[in-house]
C-alpha atoms as a PDB file:
ATOM      1  CA  UNK A   1       0.000   0.000   0.000  1.00  0.00           C
ATOM      2  CA  UNK A   2       1.122   3.509  -0.739  1.00  0.00           C
ATOM      3  CA  UNK A   3       0.340   6.816   0.978  1.00  0.00           C
ATOM      4  CA  UNK A   4      -1.346   9.850  -0.543  1.00  0.00           C
ATOM      5  CA  UNK A   5      -2.143  13.151   1.198  1.00  0.00           C
ATOM      6  CA  UNK A   6      -5.284  14.853  -0.084  1.00  0.00           C
ATOM      7  CA  UNK A   7      -5.571  18.646  -0.306  1.00  0.00           C
ATOM      8  CA  UNK A   8      -7.398  18.748   3.054  1.00  0.00           C
ATOM      9  CA  UNK A   9      -4.427  17.046   4.776  1.00  0.00           C
ATOM     10  CA  UNK A  10      -5.911  13.549   5.184  1.00  0.00           C
ATOM     11  CA  UNK A  11      -3.364  10.795   4.595  1.00  0.00           C
ATOM     12  CA  UNK A  12      -5.019   8.030   2.559  1.00  0.00           C
ATOM     13  CA  UNK A  13      -3.684   4.552   1.912  1.00  0.00           C
ATOM     14  CA  UNK A  14      -3.659   3.698  -1.783  1.00  0.00           C
ATOM     15  CA  UNK A  15      -4.088   0.181  -3.139  1.00  0.00           C
ATOM     16  CA  UNK A  16      -4.481  -1.269  -6.644  1.00  0.00           C
ATOM     17  CA  UNK A  17      -7.106  -4.001  -7.119  1.00  0.00           C
ATOM     18  CA  UNK A  18      -8.847  -6.023  -9.804  1.00  0.00           C
ATOM     19  CA  UNK A  19      -6.152  -5.875 -12.464  1.00  0.00           C
ATOM     20  CA  UNK A  20      -7.168  -6.572 -16.013  1.00  0.00           C
ATOM     21  CA  UNK A  21      -5.354  -6.256 -19.306  1.00  0.00           C
ATOM     22  CA  UNK A  22      -6.537  -2.708 -19.957  1.00  0.00           C
ATOM     23  CA  UNK A  23      -7.654  -1.330 -16.594  1.00  0.00           C
ATOM     24  CA  UNK A  24      -7.072  -1.482 -12.857  1.00  0.00           C
ATOM     25  CA  UNK A  25      -8.988  -0.133  -9.858  1.00  0.00           C
ATOM     26  CA  UNK A  26      -7.230   2.248  -7.475  1.00  0.00           C
ATOM     27  CA  UNK A  27      -8.736   2.315  -3.973  1.00  0.00           C
ATOM     28  CA  UNK A  28      -8.167   5.174  -1.532  1.00  0.00           C
ATOM     29  CA  UNK A  29      -8.531   3.914   2.060  1.00  0.00           C
ATOM     30  CA  UNK A  30      -9.581   6.446   4.698  1.00  0.00           C
ATOM     31  CA  UNK A  31      -7.114   6.370   7.642  1.00  0.00           C
ATOM     32  CA  UNK A  32      -9.738   5.512  10.274  1.00  0.00           C
ATOM     33  CA  UNK A  33     -10.735   1.875   9.684  1.00  0.00           C
ATOM     34  CA  UNK A  34     -14.033   2.350  11.535  1.00  0.00           C
ATOM     35  CA  UNK A  35     -15.205   4.742   8.805  1.00  0.00           C
ATOM     36  CA  UNK A  36     -14.553   2.578   5.762  1.00  0.00           C
ATOM     37  CA  UNK A  37     -17.631   4.092   4.107  1.00  0.00           C
ATOM     38  CA  UNK A  38     -15.350   7.050   3.301  1.00  0.00           C
ATOM     39  CA  UNK A  39     -13.134   4.861   1.086  1.00  0.00           C
ATOM     40  CA  UNK A  40     -13.050   5.931  -2.547  1.00  0.00           C
ATOM     41  CA  UNK A  41     -12.126   4.338  -5.868  1.00  0.00           C
ATOM     42  CA  UNK A  42     -11.165   5.268  -9.412  1.00  0.00           C
ATOM     43  CA  UNK A  43     -10.284   3.294 -12.526  1.00  0.00           C
ATOM     44  CA  UNK A  44      -7.142   3.621 -14.616  1.00  0.00           C
ATOM     45  CA  UNK A  45      -7.533   2.802 -18.303  1.00  0.00           C
ATOM     46  CA  UNK A  46      -4.208   1.334 -19.355  1.00  0.00           C
ATOM     47  CA  UNK A  47      -2.788   1.932 -22.829  1.00  0.00           C
ATOM     48  CA  UNK A  48       0.429  -0.088 -22.565  1.00  0.00           C
ATOM     49  CA  UNK A  49       1.277  -3.237 -24.514  1.00  0.00           C
ATOM     50  CA  UNK A  50      -0.615  -5.403 -22.008  1.00  0.00           C
ATOM     51  CA  UNK A  51      -3.878  -3.789 -23.113  1.00  0.00           C
ATOM     52  CA  UNK A  52      -3.614  -5.480 -26.503  1.00  0.00           C
ATOM     53  CA  UNK A  53      -3.384  -8.968 -25.005  1.00  0.00           C
ATOM     54  CA  UNK A  54      -6.608 -10.194 -23.377  1.00  0.00           C
ATOM     55  CA  UNK A  55      -4.765 -12.873 -21.388  1.00  0.00           C
ATOM     56  CA  UNK A  56      -2.331 -10.374 -19.829  1.00  0.00           C
ATOM     57  CA  UNK A  57      -2.845  -8.888 -16.372  1.00  0.00           C
ATOM     58  CA  UNK A  58      -1.405  -5.666 -15.021  1.00  0.00           C
ATOM     59  CA  UNK A  59       0.902  -5.976 -12.009  1.00  0.00           C
ATOM     60  CA  UNK A  60      -0.595  -4.065  -9.091  1.00  0.00           C
ATOM     61  CA  UNK A  61       2.781  -3.286  -7.533  1.00  0.00           C
ATOM     62  CA  UNK A  62       4.231  -1.999 -10.809  1.00  0.00           C
ATOM     63  CA  UNK A  63       1.212   0.227 -11.447  1.00  0.00           C
ATOM     64  CA  UNK A  64       1.336   1.753  -7.941  1.00  0.00           C
ATOM     65  CA  UNK A  65       5.074   2.388  -8.172  1.00  0.00           C
ATOM     66  CA  UNK A  66       4.608   4.031 -11.579  1.00  0.00           C
ATOM     67  CA  UNK A  67       2.024   6.550 -10.363  1.00  0.00           C
ATOM     68  CA  UNK A  68       3.369   9.975  -9.486  1.00  0.00           C
ATOM     69  CA  UNK A  69       1.840  12.214  -6.825  1.00  0.00           C
ATOM     70  CA  UNK A  70       0.132  14.376  -9.495  1.00  0.00           C
ATOM     71  CA  UNK A  71      -1.300  11.170 -11.037  1.00  0.00           C
ATOM     72  CA  UNK A  72      -2.708  10.159  -7.654  1.00  0.00           C
ATOM     73  CA  UNK A  73      -4.119  13.653  -7.206  1.00  0.00           C
ATOM     74  CA  UNK A  74      -5.968  13.433 -10.539  1.00  0.00           C
ATOM     75  CA  UNK A  75      -7.277   9.970  -9.658  1.00  0.00           C
ATOM     76  CA  UNK A  76      -8.401  11.193  -6.243  1.00  0.00           C
ATOM     77  CA  UNK A  77     -10.309  14.118  -7.755  1.00  0.00           C
ATOM     78  CA  UNK A  78     -12.083  11.704 -10.134  1.00  0.00           C
ATOM     79  CA  UNK A  79     -12.706   9.070  -7.457  1.00  0.00           C
ATOM     80  CA  UNK A  80     -16.130   8.034  -6.221  1.00  0.00           C
ATOM     81  CA  UNK A  81     -17.277   6.790  -2.822  1.00  0.00           C
ATOM     82  CA  UNK A  82     -17.360   3.015  -2.522  1.00  0.00           C
ATOM     83  CA  UNK A  83     -20.402   3.204  -0.238  1.00  0.00           C
ATOM     84  CA  UNK A  84     -23.210   5.030  -1.961  1.00  0.00           C
ATOM     85  CA  UNK A  85     -25.894   7.218  -0.431  1.00  0.00           C
ATOM     86  CA  UNK A  86     -28.304   4.277  -0.532  1.00  0.00           C
ATOM     87  CA  UNK A  87     -26.002   2.305   1.788  1.00  0.00           C
ATOM     88  CA  UNK A  88     -26.079   5.093   4.361  1.00  0.00           C
ATOM     89  CA  UNK A  89     -29.875   5.243   4.210  1.00  0.00           C
ATOM     90  CA  UNK A  90     -30.200   1.491   4.791  1.00  0.00           C
ATOM     91  CA  UNK A  91     -28.149   1.574   7.996  1.00  0.00           C
ATOM     92  CA  UNK A  92     -30.161   1.397  11.192  1.00  0.00           C
ATOM     93  CA  UNK A  93     -30.287   4.813  12.809  1.00  0.00           C
ATOM     94  CA  UNK A  94     -29.379   6.685   9.607  1.00  0.00           C
ATOM     95  CA  UNK A  95     -31.103  10.023   9.284  1.00  0.00           C
ATOM     96  CA  UNK A  96     -33.311  10.522   6.246  1.00  0.00           C
ATOM     97  CA  UNK A  97     -33.186  13.666   4.154  1.00  0.00           C
END
């Protein structure tokens, strides 16, 4: 796992998951494990040679090491919450709008 500091000063853990030949998911883990609903994700569309071979798989470690801090910043800005609004509304005790 790699570290990334967002503009508001939160230090996120960054992990690559679900590698394919032409894409890989980047997950931003919120530092407090009890609030995992704040985790976020974004997809990277890969254009390297692996993307032309359907049996190839991207290496998660290689992808993470190859991402610069500006790359992570762009991915973070495009990222989406893993837990949607519907999940929060289904929780017991959740306040409705």
